[in-house]
Structure formats: structure tokens, C-alpha cells
Protein backbone atom coordinates (compact mmCIF):
# COMPACT_ATOMS: atom_id res chain seq x y z
CA UNK A 1 -11.52 9.41 20.10
CA UNK A 2 -13.33 7.29 17.55
CA UNK A 3 -11.07 5.70 14.97
CA UNK A 4 -12.30 6.24 11.44
CA UNK A 5 -11.34 4.70 8.14
CA UNK A 6 -10.01 8.06 6.98
CA UNK A 7 -7.48 8.28 9.80
CA UNK A 8 -6.29 4.72 9.22
CA UNK A 9 -6.02 5.30 5.47
CA UNK A 10 -4.04 8.54 5.74
CA UNK A 11 -1.79 7.01 8.42
CA UNK A 12 -1.13 3.97 6.25
CA UNK A 13 -0.14 6.15 3.28
CA UNK A 14 2.19 8.14 5.54
CA UNK A 15 3.75 4.86 6.72
CA UNK A 16 4.14 3.78 3.09
CA UNK A 17 5.84 7.08 2.26
CA UNK A 18 8.22 6.84 5.20
CA UNK A 19 9.14 3.27 4.28
CA UNK A 20 9.69 4.25 0.64
CA UNK A 21 11.89 7.19 1.61
CA UNK A 22 13.94 4.88 3.84
CA UNK A 23 14.33 2.44 0.93
CA UNK A 24 15.44 5.25 -1.37
CA UNK A 25 17.92 6.53 1.22
CA UNK A 26 19.46 3.08 1.64
CA UNK A 27 19.55 2.22 -2.09
CA UNK A 28 23.02 1.87 -3.58
CA UNK A 29 24.27 4.38 -6.13
CA UNK A 30 24.96 1.77 -8.78
CA UNK A 31 23.26 -1.59 -9.38
CA UNK A 32 24.89 -4.11 -11.70
CA UNK A 33 23.47 -7.61 -12.14
CA UNK A 34 25.32 -10.10 -14.36
CA UNK A 35 27.19 -7.26 -16.04
CA UNK A 36 24.02 -5.27 -16.82
CA UNK A 37 23.67 -1.81 -15.30
CA UNK A 38 20.22 -1.54 -13.71
CA UNK A 39 20.73 1.82 -12.00
CA UNK A 40 18.35 3.71 -14.28
CA UNK A 41 15.66 1.03 -14.03
CA UNK A 42 15.91 1.04 -10.24
CA UNK A 43 15.58 4.83 -10.16
CA UNK A 44 12.47 4.65 -12.35
CA UNK A 45 10.88 2.02 -10.10
CA UNK A 46 11.54 4.14 -7.02
CA UNK A 47 10.04 7.21 -8.73
CA UNK A 48 7.01 5.19 -9.83
CA UNK A 49 6.45 4.07 -6.24
CA UNK A 50 6.64 7.64 -4.95
CA UNK A 51 4.10 8.80 -7.54
CA UNK A 52 1.85 5.87 -6.61
CA UNK A 53 2.08 6.74 -2.91
CA UNK A 54 1.40 10.40 -3.72
CA UNK A 55 -1.78 9.57 -5.67
CA UNK A 56 -3.04 7.33 -2.87
CA UNK A 57 -2.26 9.96 -0.25
CA UNK A 58 -4.05 12.67 -2.24
CA UNK A 59 -7.14 10.45 -2.53
CA UNK A 60 -7.07 9.79 1.21
CA UNK A 61 -6.66 13.47 2.08
CA UNK A 62 -9.42 14.42 -0.38
CA UNK A 63 -11.83 12.47 1.80
CA UNK A 64 -11.50 15.21 4.43
CA UNK A 65 -12.77 17.91 2.06
CA UNK A 66 -15.51 16.04 0.28
CA UNK A 67 -17.73 15.02 3.19
CA UNK A 68 -20.45 13.39 1.13
CA UNK A 69 -17.90 11.48 -0.98
CA UNK A 70 -15.75 10.57 2.03
CA UNK A 71 -16.31 6.79 1.93
CA UNK A 72 -15.74 6.60 -1.81
CA UNK A 73 -12.38 8.38 -1.60
CA UNK A 74 -11.21 6.25 1.33
CA UNK A 75 -12.32 2.98 -0.26
CA UNK A 76 -10.77 3.97 -3.62
CA UNK A 77 -7.51 4.96 -1.95
CA UNK A 78 -7.32 1.73 0.04
CA UNK A 79 -8.35 -0.42 -2.91
CA UNK A 80 -5.63 1.28 -5.00
CA UNK A 81 -2.98 -0.09 -2.66
CA UNK A 82 -4.56 -3.52 -2.32
CA UNK A 83 -4.97 -3.98 -6.09
CA UNK A 84 -1.38 -2.88 -6.60
CA UNK A 85 -0.18 -5.20 -3.83
CA UNK A 86 -1.89 -8.43 -4.93
CA UNK A 87 0.31 -10.31 -7.46
CA UNK A 88 -2.45 -11.34 -9.86
CA UNK A 89 -0.11 -12.64 -12.59
CA UNK A 90 1.81 -14.84 -10.16
CA UNK A 91 -1.41 -16.14 -8.66
CA UNK A 92 -2.67 -17.02 -12.12
CA UNK A 93 0.58 -18.61 -13.31
CA UNK A 94 1.79 -20.44 -10.19
CA UNK A 95 -1.09 -20.58 -7.71
CA UNK A 96 -1.58 -19.20 -4.24
CA UNK A 97 0.82 -21.45 -2.32
CA UNK A 98 3.82 -20.76 -4.57
CA UNK A 99 3.09 -17.02 -4.57
CA UNK A 100 2.81 -16.86 -0.77
CA UNK A 101 5.98 -18.94 -0.45
CA UNK A 102 7.81 -16.47 -2.70
CA UNK A 103 6.61 -13.53 -0.59
CA UNK A 104 7.74 -15.43 2.52
CA UNK A 105 11.21 -16.12 1.08
CA UNK A 106 11.65 -12.50 -0.03
CA UNK A 107 10.46 -11.29 3.37
CA UNK A 108 12.97 -13.49 5.18
CA UNK A 109 16.01 -11.90 3.50
CA UNK A 110 17.76 -9.98 6.32
CA UNK A 111 18.06 -6.68 4.43
CA UNK A 112 14.42 -6.73 3.36
CA UNK A 113 12.67 -7.90 6.55
CA UNK A 114 11.41 -4.55 7.85
CA UNK A 115 10.34 -3.21 4.46
CA UNK A 116 8.66 -6.50 3.60
CA UNK A 117 6.88 -6.53 6.97
CA UNK A 118 5.57 -3.03 6.32
CA UNK A 119 4.70 -3.60 2.65
CA UNK A 120 3.31 -7.13 2.87
CA UNK A 121 1.81 -7.26 6.38
CA UNK A 122 1.15 -3.90 8.04
CA UNK A 123 -0.11 -1.91 5.05
CA UNK A 124 -2.53 -4.54 3.67
CA UNK A 125 -4.00 -4.99 7.16
CA UNK A 126 -4.33 -1.21 7.60
CA UNK A 127 -5.97 -0.66 4.22
CA UNK A 128 -8.34 -3.60 4.69
CA UNK A 129 -9.29 -2.22 8.11
CA UNK A 130 -9.83 1.19 6.53
CA UNK A 131 -12.27 -0.27 4.01
CA UNK A 132 -14.02 -2.25 6.74
CA UNK A 133 -14.45 0.82 8.95
CA UNK A 134 -15.87 2.84 6.06
CA UNK A 135 -18.32 0.09 5.09
CA UNK A 136 -19.44 -0.19 8.71
CA UNK A 137 -19.85 3.59 8.88
CA UNK A 138 -21.98 3.58 5.71
CA UNK A 139 -24.17 0.80 7.14
CA UNK A 140 -24.49 2.68 10.46
CA UNK A 141 -25.58 5.86 8.71
CA UNK A 142 -28.12 3.97 6.60
CA UNK A 143 -29.61 2.27 9.68
CA UNK A 144 -29.97 5.66 11.40
CA UNK A 145 -31.83 7.07 8.41
CA UNK A 146 -34.17 4.10 8.05
């Protein structure tokens, strides 16, 4: 079976959904930091992430129905995650080394290791591979036509 960018993209969004559902299931009922109740804010962030994953998944699945627009949907879906994942403001304010160090420190917290490994390692690699496969497929089709 030939691996396509569509399969990788849809699989990556499914992995993102499973990881997000696991995070929601393990989230505490009440979050209080320095005497401030952040329960509502945490719930809104979790809902925002589920909506984000749903939009990306719908774009990836739409690539199966729109054959001629297939690469555009896959690339848009993958780019959606990658643009959301890259911390542009931190890169601008603090530079690449400090930003990567922060991601490393957050990823080394015992309770966040698996979710950080999925969110910051596995998913960016999968979505980048998805874009690469689609670009290679477009180039292959163009060379067959020419």
C-alpha cells in the first residue's frame, strides 16, 4: 500500500483528537492558581482545542471527496496545525533558543511528557511529512503530464 499525504494527515488529526480527549479526561474538576479560579478558562481552552481539531479533521477528510482539490485541502489542514503550533510571539520576543528551551522544560514535566511528545514532536513531524508527500505527488503528476 502506498502511503499518501491524506492518510498521514487524517491519522495525525485522529491522534491529536485522542490525545486531547485523554487530556480532557484527566483534567481536574477545579483549577485554582494563587487564589484565582481558572476552571472556566481551562474549560474554554479545552473546547477551543476540540473545535480546532475538528476543523482540521474536516479539512483532511474533505480531501477524499474533492479529488482535484485534494492537495490543497491536505496542505491547508497540515499548515493549520503547524501555524497554530509554532510560537511566533515567543520567537519574536525571546529568540529561538529560549523558546525551544521552554518547550523542552515543559515537555520534561512528568505529568506532561506523553502529551508534549505527541503535541510537540509526533504531530509536527506527521503534518510536515503530509505536506512533503503531497508536494511530491503534485510534482510527480506534473512530470507525467509533461
